[in-house]
Amino acid sequence: MSSPDQIQRLLFDDIDVRGAIVGLDKAYAEVLARADYPERLQILLGELLAAVALLTSNLKIEGRVSLQAQGEGAVRILMAEATHDNHVRAIARFDEGELPDAERLDELLQNGRMALTIEPKDGQRYQGVVSLEGATLSDCLERYFSQSEQLPTKIQLAADGKHAAGMLTQVLPAAGTGSADWEHIVALAQTLKSEELLQLDNETILYRLYHEETVRLFESEDLIFNCDCSRERSANAMQMMTQDELLELAEEQGGAIEMSCQFCNELYSFDTADIRALFHNDGRLNDEGSLH
């Protein structure tokens, strides 16, 4: 992986198959730095980051894609997001203590579901949900595309706590690629080892797998960790409660309400004057991010 924190799209010229390769280092480290995650969850978050970046690579609109796995038991939520301009973030919610000794993803997130959500900047939100059935995240995603999108898709993911990487190959929508062509591409992809995905550069991977095919590798695009939380968005969320409820809550908490972003742990504090201004100043912040 010669170019970490980058994604490159690829296209097969002679068959109707597209794809992408992604690697993450700094963005992955930023996610892991936000909480003390057990090793098992560090790896899963890396895979999730790589997966959501791959799924966003073919997005033709401005917006974001989120991938969420939710279940019962010690691990409650795994979630990652990527935007059309390649900003990524991820989080896990889990009960403190030892995680169950489960190798399979569908055993770690018991009775789980996986949701893929596309949120255009302008337009209707779309969400597809399937039950979480599969030993790995890759298995679950491939099953999702088979059931919900009916698009033959191969997804390979790898992470080791420092590096994360992934490769996606997929039949083009409405394409007429024969099953033999697709089976050939998948058979070659399955020979790629996790260590190769994490360590080899993109050109070497493609030559290693598809030197007999004509594959175009597009210009790489940078990926960065970024959280779009803000004091203003936190203030807007608070307005779901009444002024009296907020003032009472502030008093209980020592004179101010503190709201923390679940993705980046940024802390926003609102005192009683801020709360009153929410309801008597159109709830708007000034240029300094203050309500009063």
C-alpha atoms as a PDB file:
ATOM      1  CA  MET A   1       0.000   0.000   0.000  1.00  0.00           C
ATOM      2  CA  SER A   2       2.263   2.756  -1.292  1.00  0.00           C
ATOM      3  CA  SER A   3      -0.273   5.571  -0.930  1.00  0.00           C
ATOM      4  CA  PRO A   4      -2.116   5.392   2.405  1.00  0.00           C
ATOM      5  CA  ASP A   5      -5.154   7.618   2.941  1.00  0.00           C
ATOM      6  CA  GLN A   6      -6.005   7.453  -0.733  1.00  0.00           C
ATOM      7  CA  ILE A   7      -8.586   5.759  -2.898  1.00  0.00           C
ATOM      8  CA  GLN A   8      -8.338   4.860  -6.578  1.00  0.00           C
ATOM      9  CA  ARG A   9     -11.145   3.765  -8.842  1.00  0.00           C
ATOM     10  CA  LEU A  10     -10.529   1.151 -11.515  1.00  0.00           C
ATOM     11  CA  LEU A  11     -12.360  -0.007 -14.621  1.00  0.00           C
ATOM     12  CA  PHE A  12     -11.990  -3.140 -16.761  1.00  0.00           C
ATOM     13  CA  ASP A  13     -12.037  -2.123 -20.425  1.00  0.00           C
ATOM     14  CA  ASP A  14     -13.146  -5.395 -21.999  1.00  0.00           C
ATOM     15  CA  ILE A  15     -15.747  -6.526 -19.460  1.00  0.00           C
ATOM     16  CA  ASP A  16     -18.436  -4.619 -17.577  1.00  0.00           C
ATOM     17  CA  VAL A  17     -16.718  -4.530 -14.189  1.00  0.00           C
ATOM     18  CA  ARG A  18     -15.628  -1.574 -12.079  1.00  0.00           C
ATOM     19  CA  GLY A  19     -13.917  -1.305  -8.736  1.00  0.00           C
ATOM     20  CA  ALA A  20     -11.756   0.637  -6.300  1.00  0.00           C
ATOM     21  CA  ILE A  21      -8.777   0.169  -3.995  1.00  0.00           C
ATOM     22  CA  VAL A  22      -8.384   2.060  -0.728  1.00  0.00           C
ATOM     23  CA  GLY A  23      -5.754   2.398   1.988  1.00  0.00           C
ATOM     24  CA  LEU A  24      -5.993   4.230   5.322  1.00  0.00           C
ATOM     25  CA  ASP A  25      -3.305   5.135   7.852  1.00  0.00           C
ATOM     26  CA  LYS A  26      -3.675   8.607   9.399  1.00  0.00           C
ATOM     27  CA  ALA A  27      -7.457   8.689   9.098  1.00  0.00           C
ATOM     28  CA  TYR A  28      -7.607   5.257  10.722  1.00  0.00           C
ATOM     29  CA  ALA A  29      -5.301   6.404  13.533  1.00  0.00           C
ATOM     30  CA  GLU A  30      -7.521   9.454  14.134  1.00  0.00           C
ATOM     31  CA  VAL A  31     -10.532   7.195  14.636  1.00  0.00           C
ATOM     32  CA  LEU A  32      -8.722   4.880  17.050  1.00  0.00           C
ATOM     33  CA  ALA A  33      -7.350   7.829  19.035  1.00  0.00           C
ATOM     34  CA  ARG A  34     -10.864   8.921  20.022  1.00  0.00           C
ATOM     35  CA  ALA A  35     -11.519   5.994  22.365  1.00  0.00           C
ATOM     36  CA  ASP A  36      -9.794   3.042  24.015  1.00  0.00           C
ATOM     37  CA  TYR A  37     -10.989   0.296  21.698  1.00  0.00           C
ATOM     38  CA  PRO A  38     -10.149  -3.388  22.244  1.00  0.00           C
ATOM     39  CA  GLU A  39      -7.996  -4.933  19.515  1.00  0.00           C
ATOM     40  CA  ARG A  40     -10.930  -6.808  17.958  1.00  0.00           C
ATOM     41  CA  LEU A  41     -12.873  -3.566  17.527  1.00  0.00           C
ATOM     42  CA  GLN A  42      -9.801  -1.718  16.218  1.00  0.00           C
ATOM     43  CA  ILE A  43      -9.627  -4.208  13.378  1.00  0.00           C
ATOM     44  CA  LEU A  44     -13.353  -4.072  12.692  1.00  0.00           C
ATOM     45  CA  LEU A  45     -13.341  -0.261  12.627  1.00  0.00           C
ATOM     46  CA  GLY A  46     -10.486  -0.322  10.118  1.00  0.00           C
ATOM     47  CA  GLU A  47     -12.420  -2.709   7.898  1.00  0.00           C
ATOM     48  CA  LEU A  48     -15.545  -0.595   8.270  1.00  0.00           C
ATOM     49  CA  LEU A  49     -13.672   2.582   7.270  1.00  0.00           C
ATOM     50  CA  ALA A  50     -12.234   0.890   4.199  1.00  0.00           C
ATOM     51  CA  ALA A  51     -15.639  -0.511   3.283  1.00  0.00           C
ATOM     52  CA  VAL A  52     -17.543   2.759   3.500  1.00  0.00           C
ATOM     53  CA  ALA A  53     -14.857   4.562   1.487  1.00  0.00           C
ATOM     54  CA  LEU A  54     -15.162   1.919  -1.231  1.00  0.00           C
ATOM     55  CA  LEU A  55     -18.952   2.144  -1.254  1.00  0.00           C
ATOM     56  CA  THR A  56     -18.781   5.933  -1.619  1.00  0.00           C
ATOM     57  CA  SER A  57     -16.309   5.783  -4.505  1.00  0.00           C
ATOM     58  CA  ASN A  58     -19.091   5.402  -7.094  1.00  0.00           C
ATOM     59  CA  LEU A  59     -21.407   7.990  -5.554  1.00  0.00           C
ATOM     60  CA  LYS A  60     -22.513  10.371  -8.307  1.00  0.00           C
ATOM     61  CA  ILE A  61     -24.087  12.952  -6.019  1.00  0.00           C
ATOM     62  CA  GLU A  62     -23.047  15.242  -3.205  1.00  0.00           C
ATOM     63  CA  GLY A  63     -23.818  13.632   0.111  1.00  0.00           C
ATOM     64  CA  ARG A  64     -22.714  10.920   2.481  1.00  0.00           C
ATOM     65  CA  VAL A  65     -22.835   7.162   2.854  1.00  0.00           C
ATOM     66  CA  SER A  66     -23.028   5.517   6.263  1.00  0.00           C
ATOM     67  CA  LEU A  67     -22.597   1.872   7.114  1.00  0.00           C
ATOM     68  CA  GLN A  68     -23.923   0.660  10.453  1.00  0.00           C
ATOM     69  CA  ALA A  69     -23.943  -2.751  12.087  1.00  0.00           C
ATOM     70  CA  GLN A  70     -26.097  -3.029  15.183  1.00  0.00           C
ATOM     71  CA  GLY A  71     -26.660  -5.946  17.496  1.00  0.00           C
ATOM     72  CA  GLU A  72     -27.341  -7.193  20.983  1.00  0.00           C
ATOM     73  CA  GLY A  73     -24.708  -8.086  23.539  1.00  0.00           C
ATOM     74  CA  ALA A  74     -21.399  -6.435  24.402  1.00  0.00           C
ATOM     75  CA  VAL A  75     -20.938  -4.767  21.003  1.00  0.00           C
ATOM     76  CA  ARG A  76     -23.947  -2.602  20.267  1.00  0.00           C
ATOM     77  CA  ILE A  77     -23.007  -0.451  17.273  1.00  0.00           C
ATOM     78  CA  LEU A  78     -20.270  -0.239  14.658  1.00  0.00           C
ATOM     79  CA  MET A  79     -20.645   2.748  12.340  1.00  0.00           C
ATOM     80  CA  ALA A  80     -18.610   4.522   9.674  1.00  0.00           C
ATOM     81  CA  GLU A  81     -19.379   7.399   7.320  1.00  0.00           C
ATOM     82  CA  ALA A  82     -17.781   8.787   4.174  1.00  0.00           C
ATOM     83  CA  THR A  83     -18.734  11.829   2.113  1.00  0.00           C
ATOM     84  CA  HIS A  84     -18.483  12.541  -1.608  1.00  0.00           C
ATOM     85  CA  ASP A  85     -15.392  14.679  -0.877  1.00  0.00           C
ATOM     86  CA  ASN A  86     -13.689  11.778   0.936  1.00  0.00           C
ATOM     87  CA  HIS A  87     -14.096  12.798   4.567  1.00  0.00           C
ATOM     88  CA  VAL A  88     -14.353   9.725   6.779  1.00  0.00           C
ATOM     89  CA  ARG A  89     -15.159   8.980  10.406  1.00  0.00           C
ATOM     90  CA  ALA A  90     -16.155   5.927  12.448  1.00  0.00           C
ATOM     91  CA  ILE A  91     -17.195   4.867  15.929  1.00  0.00           C
ATOM     92  CA  ALA A  92     -17.993   1.774  17.983  1.00  0.00           C
ATOM     93  CA  ARG A  93     -20.281   1.540  20.995  1.00  0.00           C
ATOM     94  CA  PHE A  94     -19.650  -1.358  23.342  1.00  0.00           C
ATOM     95  CA  ASP A  95     -20.008  -2.353  26.976  1.00  0.00           C
ATOM     96  CA  GLU A  96     -16.856  -2.073  29.034  1.00  0.00           C
ATOM     97  CA  GLY A  97     -15.300  -5.381  29.960  1.00  0.00           C
ATOM     98  CA  GLU A  98     -14.132  -8.402  28.040  1.00  0.00           C
ATOM     99  CA  LEU A  99     -15.688  -8.933  24.635  1.00  0.00           C
ATOM    100  CA  PRO A 100     -17.091 -12.372  23.885  1.00  0.00           C
ATOM    101  CA  ASP A 101     -14.623 -14.797  22.347  1.00  0.00           C
ATOM    102  CA  ALA A 102     -16.362 -14.822  18.972  1.00  0.00           C
ATOM    103  CA  GLU A 103     -14.519 -15.005  15.673  1.00  0.00           C
ATOM    104  CA  ARG A 104     -17.594 -14.496  13.521  1.00  0.00           C
ATOM    105  CA  LEU A 105     -19.038 -11.009  13.112  1.00  0.00           C
ATOM    106  CA  ASP A 106     -22.612 -12.267  13.369  1.00  0.00           C
ATOM    107  CA  GLU A 107     -21.745 -13.877  16.720  1.00  0.00           C
ATOM    108  CA  LEU A 108     -20.052 -10.743  18.039  1.00  0.00           C
ATOM    109  CA  LEU A 109     -23.128  -8.657  17.176  1.00  0.00           C
ATOM    110  CA  GLN A 110     -25.846 -11.070  18.198  1.00  0.00           C
ATOM    111  CA  ASN A 111     -29.209 -10.843  16.402  1.00  0.00           C
ATOM    112  CA  GLY A 112     -27.664  -8.039  14.389  1.00  0.00           C
ATOM    113  CA  ARG A 113     -28.710  -5.958  11.425  1.00  0.00           C
ATOM    114  CA  MET A 114     -26.653  -4.024   8.912  1.00  0.00           C
ATOM    115  CA  ALA A 115     -27.853  -0.792   7.322  1.00  0.00           C
ATOM    116  CA  LEU A 116     -26.429   1.072   4.342  1.00  0.00           C
ATOM    117  CA  THR A 117     -27.704   4.653   4.204  1.00  0.00           C
ATOM    118  CA  ILE A 118     -27.228   7.169   1.383  1.00  0.00           C
ATOM    119  CA  GLU A 119     -28.004  10.785   2.281  1.00  0.00           C
ATOM    120  CA  PRO A 120     -27.838  13.164  -0.699  1.00  0.00           C
ATOM    121  CA  LYS A 121     -27.257  16.817   0.059  1.00  0.00           C
ATOM    122  CA  ASP A 122     -30.351  17.493  -2.040  1.00  0.00           C
ATOM    123  CA  GLY A 123     -32.788  14.659  -2.476  1.00  0.00           C
ATOM    124  CA  GLN A 124     -34.379  11.721  -0.771  1.00  0.00           C
ATOM    125  CA  ARG A 125     -32.605   9.627   1.821  1.00  0.00           C
ATOM    126  CA  TYR A 126     -32.249   5.935   1.012  1.00  0.00           C
ATOM    127  CA  GLN A 127     -31.600   3.074   3.408  1.00  0.00           C
ATOM    128  CA  GLY A 128     -31.222  -0.649   2.852  1.00  0.00           C
ATOM    129  CA  VAL A 129     -31.280  -3.050   5.815  1.00  0.00           C
ATOM    130  CA  VAL A 130     -30.444  -6.751   5.994  1.00  0.00           C
ATOM    131  CA  SER A 131     -29.947  -9.163   8.830  1.00  0.00           C
ATOM    132  CA  LEU A 132     -26.328  -9.583   9.897  1.00  0.00           C
ATOM    133  CA  GLU A 133     -25.381 -13.041   8.656  1.00  0.00           C
ATOM    134  CA  GLY A 134     -21.758 -13.796   7.861  1.00  0.00           C
ATOM    135  CA  ALA A 135     -18.415 -14.575   9.414  1.00  0.00           C
ATOM    136  CA  THR A 136     -16.826 -11.319   8.224  1.00  0.00           C
ATOM    137  CA  LEU A 137     -17.854  -7.804   7.274  1.00  0.00           C
ATOM    138  CA  SER A 138     -16.979  -8.650   3.668  1.00  0.00           C
ATOM    139  CA  ASP A 139     -19.370 -11.625   3.739  1.00  0.00           C
ATOM    140  CA  CYS A 140     -22.173  -9.460   5.116  1.00  0.00           C
ATOM    141  CA  LEU A 141     -21.653  -6.708   2.524  1.00  0.00           C
ATOM    142  CA  GLU A 142     -21.550  -9.134  -0.376  1.00  0.00           C
ATOM    143  CA  ARG A 143     -24.775 -10.663   0.892  1.00  0.00           C
ATOM    144  CA  TYR A 144     -26.321  -7.178   1.120  1.00  0.00           C
ATOM    145  CA  PHE A 145     -25.507  -6.413  -2.520  1.00  0.00           C
ATOM    146  CA  SER A 146     -26.780  -9.809  -3.625  1.00  0.00           C
ATOM    147  CA  GLN A 147     -30.099  -9.401  -1.817  1.00  0.00           C
ATOM    148  CA  SER A 148     -30.807  -5.670  -1.864  1.00  0.00           C
ATOM    149  CA  GLU A 149     -29.034  -4.338  -4.949  1.00  0.00           C
ATOM    150  CA  GLN A 150     -28.829  -7.543  -6.998  1.00  0.00           C
ATOM    151  CA  LEU A 151     -25.351  -6.485  -8.107  1.00  0.00           C
ATOM    152  CA  PRO A 152     -22.625  -9.163  -8.107  1.00  0.00           C
ATOM    153  CA  THR A 153     -19.968  -7.669  -5.810  1.00  0.00           C
ATOM    154  CA  LYS A 154     -16.658  -8.830  -4.339  1.00  0.00           C
ATOM    155  CA  ILE A 155     -15.312  -6.933  -1.322  1.00  0.00           C
ATOM    156  CA  GLN A 156     -11.988  -7.652   0.379  1.00  0.00           C
ATOM    157  CA  LEU A 157     -11.033  -5.898   3.605  1.00  0.00           C
ATOM    158  CA  ALA A 158      -8.028  -5.994   5.926  1.00  0.00           C
ATOM    159  CA  ALA A 159      -6.851  -4.098   9.017  1.00  0.00           C
ATOM    160  CA  ASP A 160      -4.226  -4.637  11.697  1.00  0.00           C
ATOM    161  CA  GLY A 161      -4.676  -1.698  14.089  1.00  0.00           C
ATOM    162  CA  LYS A 162      -2.282   0.556  12.161  1.00  0.00           C
ATOM    163  CA  HIS A 163      -3.209   0.095   8.524  1.00  0.00           C
ATOM    164  CA  ALA A 164      -6.533  -0.587   6.853  1.00  0.00           C
ATOM    165  CA  ALA A 165      -7.162  -1.436   3.217  1.00  0.00           C
ATOM    166  CA  GLY A 166      -9.828  -2.754   0.904  1.00  0.00           C
ATOM    167  CA  MET A 167     -10.628  -3.642  -2.677  1.00  0.00           C
ATOM    168  CA  LEU A 168     -14.018  -3.739  -4.381  1.00  0.00           C
ATOM    169  CA  THR A 169     -14.933  -5.255  -7.729  1.00  0.00           C
ATOM    170  CA  GLN A 170     -18.486  -5.045  -8.991  1.00  0.00           C
ATOM    171  CA  VAL A 171     -20.514  -5.683 -12.123  1.00  0.00           C
ATOM    172  CA  LEU A 172     -21.655  -2.385 -13.622  1.00  0.00           C
ATOM    173  CA  PRO A 173     -25.369  -1.671 -13.076  1.00  0.00           C
ATOM    174  CA  ALA A 174     -27.482  -2.847 -16.034  1.00  0.00           C
ATOM    175  CA  ALA A 175     -24.399  -4.412 -17.626  1.00  0.00           C
ATOM    176  CA  GLY A 176     -24.516  -7.596 -19.653  1.00  0.00           C
ATOM    177  CA  THR A 177     -21.293  -9.193 -18.439  1.00  0.00           C
ATOM    178  CA  GLY A 178     -21.400 -12.952 -18.728  1.00  0.00           C
ATOM    179  CA  SER A 179     -21.242 -15.045 -15.584  1.00  0.00           C
ATOM    180  CA  ALA A 180     -18.027 -16.719 -16.774  1.00  0.00           C
ATOM    181  CA  ASP A 181     -16.238 -13.346 -16.962  1.00  0.00           C
ATOM    182  CA  TRP A 182     -17.390 -12.395 -13.495  1.00  0.00           C
ATOM    183  CA  GLU A 183     -16.484 -15.754 -12.001  1.00  0.00           C
ATOM    184  CA  HIS A 184     -13.001 -15.387 -13.499  1.00  0.00           C
ATOM    185  CA  ILE A 185     -12.547 -11.936 -11.882  1.00  0.00           C
ATOM    186  CA  VAL A 186     -13.747 -13.215  -8.509  1.00  0.00           C
ATOM    187  CA  ALA A 187     -11.561 -16.321  -8.656  1.00  0.00           C
ATOM    188  CA  LEU A 188      -8.485 -14.154  -9.202  1.00  0.00           C
ATOM    189  CA  ALA A 189      -9.517 -11.684  -6.465  1.00  0.00           C
ATOM    190  CA  GLN A 190      -9.832 -14.516  -3.973  1.00  0.00           C
ATOM    191  CA  THR A 191      -6.139 -15.318  -4.350  1.00  0.00           C
ATOM    192  CA  LEU A 192      -5.220 -11.947  -2.795  1.00  0.00           C
ATOM    193  CA  LYS A 193      -4.057 -12.341   0.804  1.00  0.00           C
ATOM    194  CA  SER A 194      -4.779  -9.835   3.569  1.00  0.00           C
ATOM    195  CA  GLU A 195      -1.051  -9.156   4.025  1.00  0.00           C
ATOM    196  CA  GLU A 196      -0.741  -8.305   0.318  1.00  0.00           C
ATOM    197  CA  LEU A 197      -3.710  -5.965   0.489  1.00  0.00           C
ATOM    198  CA  LEU A 198      -2.112  -4.143   3.431  1.00  0.00           C
ATOM    199  CA  GLN A 199       1.454  -4.053   2.124  1.00  0.00           C
ATOM    200  CA  LEU A 200       1.499  -3.935  -1.693  1.00  0.00           C
ATOM    201  CA  ASP A 201       0.931  -0.812  -3.775  1.00  0.00           C
ATOM    202  CA  ASN A 202      -2.119  -0.610  -6.019  1.00  0.00           C
ATOM    203  CA  GLU A 203      -0.284  -1.162  -9.306  1.00  0.00           C
ATOM    204  CA  THR A 204       1.413  -4.279  -7.952  1.00  0.00           C
ATOM    205  CA  ILE A 205      -1.889  -5.678  -6.691  1.00  0.00           C
ATOM    206  CA  LEU A 206      -3.580  -5.159 -10.045  1.00  0.00           C
ATOM    207  CA  TYR A 207      -0.681  -6.655 -11.971  1.00  0.00           C
ATOM    208  CA  ARG A 208      -0.527  -9.572  -9.560  1.00  0.00           C
ATOM    209  CA  LEU A 209      -4.235 -10.310 -10.089  1.00  0.00           C
ATOM    210  CA  TYR A 210      -5.174  -9.025 -13.540  1.00  0.00           C
ATOM    211  CA  HIS A 211      -2.064  -8.754 -15.741  1.00  0.00           C
ATOM    212  CA  GLU A 212      -3.941 -10.578 -18.494  1.00  0.00           C
ATOM    213  CA  GLU A 213      -6.814  -8.060 -18.367  1.00  0.00           C
ATOM    214  CA  THR A 214      -6.937  -4.422 -19.503  1.00  0.00           C
ATOM    215  CA  VAL A 215      -7.578  -2.396 -16.347  1.00  0.00           C
ATOM    216  CA  ARG A 216      -7.605   1.385 -16.085  1.00  0.00           C
ATOM    217  CA  LEU A 217      -6.503   2.840 -12.748  1.00  0.00           C
ATOM    218  CA  PHE A 218      -7.843   6.356 -12.237  1.00  0.00           C
ATOM    219  CA  GLU A 219      -6.144   9.229 -10.430  1.00  0.00           C
ATOM    220  CA  SER A 220      -5.966   8.689  -6.676  1.00  0.00           C
ATOM    221  CA  GLU A 221      -8.018  10.850  -4.304  1.00  0.00           C
ATOM    222  CA  ASP A 222      -7.020  11.773  -0.747  1.00  0.00           C
ATOM    223  CA  LEU A 223      -8.990  10.542   2.254  1.00  0.00           C
ATOM    224  CA  ILE A 224      -9.009  12.477   5.526  1.00  0.00           C
ATOM    225  CA  PHE A 225     -10.608  12.073   8.918  1.00  0.00           C
ATOM    226  CA  ASN A 226     -13.106  14.863   9.442  1.00  0.00           C
ATOM    227  CA  CYS A 227     -16.049  15.341  11.740  1.00  0.00           C
ATOM    228  CA  ASP A 228     -18.670  17.892  10.725  1.00  0.00           C
ATOM    229  CA  CYS A 229     -20.030  18.395  14.214  1.00  0.00           C
ATOM    230  CA  SER A 230     -20.322  22.011  15.402  1.00  0.00           C
ATOM    231  CA  ARG A 231     -21.562  24.093  18.282  1.00  0.00           C
ATOM    232  CA  GLU A 232     -24.393  25.297  16.085  1.00  0.00           C
ATOM    233  CA  ARG A 233     -25.562  21.757  15.258  1.00  0.00           C
ATOM    234  CA  SER A 234     -25.437  20.857  18.948  1.00  0.00           C
ATOM    235  CA  ALA A 235     -27.547  23.935  19.731  1.00  0.00           C
ATOM    236  CA  ASN A 236     -30.085  22.920  17.090  1.00  0.00           C
ATOM    237  CA  ALA A 237     -30.330  19.452  18.622  1.00  0.00           C
ATOM    238  CA  MET A 238     -30.996  20.946  22.058  1.00  0.00           C
ATOM    239  CA  GLN A 239     -34.041  22.786  20.742  1.00  0.00           C
ATOM    240  CA  MET A 240     -35.924  19.502  20.654  1.00  0.00           C
ATOM    241  CA  MET A 241     -36.430  20.214  24.384  1.00  0.00           C
ATOM    242  CA  THR A 242     -38.178  23.218  25.875  1.00  0.00           C
ATOM    243  CA  GLN A 243     -36.348  26.121  27.495  1.00  0.00           C
ATOM    244  CA  ASP A 244     -37.599  25.157  30.961  1.00  0.00           C
ATOM    245  CA  GLU A 245     -36.444  21.556  30.498  1.00  0.00           C
ATOM    246  CA  LEU A 246     -32.998  22.701  29.387  1.00  0.00           C
ATOM    247  CA  LEU A 247     -32.639  25.203  32.236  1.00  0.00           C
ATOM    248  CA  GLU A 248     -33.594  22.528  34.740  1.00  0.00           C
ATOM    249  CA  LEU A 249     -31.070  20.122  33.210  1.00  0.00           C
ATOM    250  CA  ALA A 250     -28.352  22.806  33.306  1.00  0.00           C
ATOM    251  CA  GLU A 251     -29.041  23.434  36.987  1.00  0.00           C
ATOM    252  CA  GLU A 252     -28.784  19.721  37.727  1.00  0.00           C
ATOM    253  CA  GLN A 253     -25.416  19.640  35.938  1.00  0.00           C
ATOM    254  CA  GLY A 254     -23.862  22.566  37.790  1.00  0.00           C
ATOM    255  CA  GLY A 255     -24.983  25.493  35.652  1.00  0.00           C
ATOM    256  CA  ALA A 256     -24.251  24.272  32.109  1.00  0.00           C
ATOM    257  CA  ILE A 257     -25.162  21.487  29.683  1.00  0.00           C
ATOM    258  CA  GLU A 258     -22.262  19.733  28.011  1.00  0.00           C
ATOM    259  CA  MET A 259     -22.774  17.898  24.730  1.00  0.00           C
ATOM    260  CA  SER A 260     -20.106  15.597  23.336  1.00  0.00           C
ATOM    261  CA  CYS A 261     -19.821  14.489  19.708  1.00  0.00           C
ATOM    262  CA  GLN A 262     -19.938  10.703  19.555  1.00  0.00           C
ATOM    263  CA  PHE A 263     -17.443  10.612  16.665  1.00  0.00           C
ATOM    264  CA  CYS A 264     -14.676  13.008  17.698  1.00  0.00           C
ATOM    265  CA  ASN A 265     -15.387  13.640  21.415  1.00  0.00           C
ATOM    266  CA  GLU A 266     -15.470  17.414  20.862  1.00  0.00           C
ATOM    267  CA  LEU A 267     -17.219  18.973  23.870  1.00  0.00           C
ATOM    268  CA  TYR A 268     -19.714  21.830  23.559  1.00  0.00           C
ATOM    269  CA  SER A 269     -20.885  23.658  26.679  1.00  0.00           C
ATOM    270  CA  PHE A 270     -24.044  25.743  27.006  1.00  0.00           C
ATOM    271  CA  ASP A 271     -24.712  27.844  30.129  1.00  0.00           C
ATOM    272  CA  THR A 272     -28.066  29.283  31.167  1.00  0.00           C
ATOM    273  CA  ALA A 273     -27.527  32.460  29.132  1.00  0.00           C
ATOM    274  CA  ASP A 274     -26.844  30.356  26.035  1.00  0.00           C
ATOM    275  CA  ILE A 275     -30.025  28.366  26.645  1.00  0.00           C
ATOM    276  CA  ARG A 276     -32.190  31.493  27.001  1.00  0.00           C
ATOM    277  CA  ALA A 277     -30.654  32.935  23.836  1.00  0.00           C
ATOM    278  CA  LEU A 278     -31.654  29.801  21.951  1.00  0.00           C
ATOM    279  CA  PHE A 279     -35.294  30.742  22.422  1.00  0.00           C
ATOM    280  CA  HIS A 280     -35.003  34.554  22.224  1.00  0.00           C
ATOM    281  CA  ASN A 281     -32.337  35.043  19.531  1.00  0.00           C
ATOM    282  CA  ASP A 282     -33.761  32.839  16.780  1.00  0.00           C
ATOM    283  CA  GLY A 283     -31.438  30.160  18.132  1.00  0.00           C
ATOM    284  CA  ARG A 284     -28.601  31.476  16.002  1.00  0.00           C
ATOM    285  CA  LEU A 285     -24.932  31.677  16.815  1.00  0.00           C
ATOM    286  CA  ASN A 286     -22.837  34.729  16.083  1.00  0.00           C
ATOM    287  CA  ASP A 287     -19.536  34.602  14.194  1.00  0.00           C
ATOM    288  CA  GLU A 288     -17.655  33.642  17.347  1.00  0.00           C
ATOM    289  CA  GLY A 289     -19.852  30.617  17.936  1.00  0.00           C
ATOM    290  CA  SER A 290     -21.572  32.183  20.941  1.00  0.00           C
ATOM    291  CA  LEU A 291     -25.254  32.643  21.530  1.00  0.00           C
ATOM    292  CA  HIS A 292     -24.896  35.745  23.662  1.00  0.00           C
END
